[in-house]
Amino acid sequence: MAHLQYFVFEDQSHWKIGCDGQVSGDFPTEQAAVSRAIERAFFNSMRGHRAEILVRDGNTGAFKVAWSYGRH
């Protein structure tokens, strides 16, 4: 079972999603990007993949888990 990580981060006043070396989206808010990342992660979890969403903190630059599926 693959473990997919979706990284949500701000880039030049827009929010983006990175996964498996691919970057997508031009979302106006963090919440919009997180919601879309959750949709993608949930879709892939139905195909048997574990998934988690990590959001970059604007102050520290560290990524923190915002959502996960299939974690034990």
Protein backbone atom coordinates (compact mmCIF):
# COMPACT_ATOMS: atom_id res chain seq x y z
CA MET A 1 0.00 0.00 0.00
CA ALA A 2 1.46 3.35 -1.03
CA HIS A 3 1.70 6.22 1.41
CA LEU A 4 0.89 9.48 -0.36
CA GLN A 5 1.74 12.85 1.14
CA TYR A 6 0.09 16.04 -0.09
CA PHE A 7 1.98 19.20 0.80
CA VAL A 8 -0.05 22.43 0.95
CA PHE A 9 2.00 25.61 0.82
CA GLU A 10 1.75 29.29 -0.08
CA ASP A 11 3.64 30.55 -3.12
CA GLN A 12 3.42 34.19 -4.20
CA SER A 13 0.07 34.82 -2.49
CA HIS A 14 -1.53 31.64 -3.87
CA TRP A 15 -1.83 28.22 -2.28
CA LYS A 16 -0.57 25.10 -4.04
CA ILE A 17 -0.56 21.34 -3.54
CA GLY A 18 2.51 19.19 -4.06
CA CYS A 19 2.42 15.40 -4.33
CA ASP A 20 4.91 12.93 -5.84
CA GLY A 21 7.01 15.72 -7.34
CA GLN A 22 4.03 17.39 -9.02
CA VAL A 23 2.75 20.83 -8.02
CA SER A 24 -0.76 21.92 -8.88
CA GLY A 25 -3.35 24.55 -8.10
CA ASP A 26 -3.59 28.26 -7.68
CA PHE A 27 -5.96 28.39 -4.75
CA PRO A 28 -6.94 31.75 -3.20
CA THR A 29 -6.89 30.45 0.39
CA GLU A 30 -5.22 27.80 2.50
CA GLN A 31 -8.61 26.26 3.26
CA ALA A 32 -9.46 25.92 -0.45
CA ALA A 33 -6.16 24.13 -1.09
CA VAL A 34 -6.56 21.85 1.94
CA SER A 35 -10.13 20.97 0.89
CA ARG A 36 -8.95 20.02 -2.62
CA ALA A 37 -6.02 18.04 -1.21
CA ILE A 38 -8.41 16.12 1.06
CA GLU A 39 -10.61 15.29 -1.95
CA ARG A 40 -7.59 13.92 -3.81
CA ALA A 41 -6.30 12.03 -0.80
CA PHE A 42 -9.71 10.53 -0.07
CA PHE A 43 -10.07 9.41 -3.70
CA ASN A 44 -6.69 7.69 -3.55
CA SER A 45 -7.47 6.16 -0.15
CA MET A 46 -10.45 4.43 -1.75
CA ARG A 47 -7.90 2.84 -4.11
CA GLY A 48 -6.02 1.42 -1.13
CA HIS A 49 -3.45 4.14 -0.48
CA ARG A 50 -2.67 5.67 2.89
CA ALA A 51 -2.64 9.45 2.62
CA GLU A 52 -1.92 12.53 4.66
CA ILE A 53 -2.16 16.28 4.14
CA LEU A 54 0.66 18.44 5.46
CA VAL A 55 0.38 22.24 5.61
CA ARG A 56 3.40 24.52 5.78
CA ASP A 57 3.33 26.96 8.69
CA GLY A 58 3.94 30.47 7.41
CA ASN A 59 5.94 31.46 10.50
CA THR A 60 8.25 28.47 10.93
CA GLY A 61 8.21 26.87 7.48
CA ALA A 62 7.59 23.49 9.10
CA PHE A 63 4.96 21.14 7.70
CA LYS A 64 2.30 19.88 10.10
CA VAL A 65 -0.22 17.10 9.54
CA ALA A 66 -3.68 18.54 8.94
CA TRP A 67 -5.48 15.35 7.86
CA SER A 68 -4.66 11.66 7.49
CA TYR A 69 -6.35 8.50 6.27
CA GLY A 70 -5.32 4.91 6.84
CA ARG A 71 -2.84 5.62 9.60
CA HIS A 72 -2.39 3.04 12.32
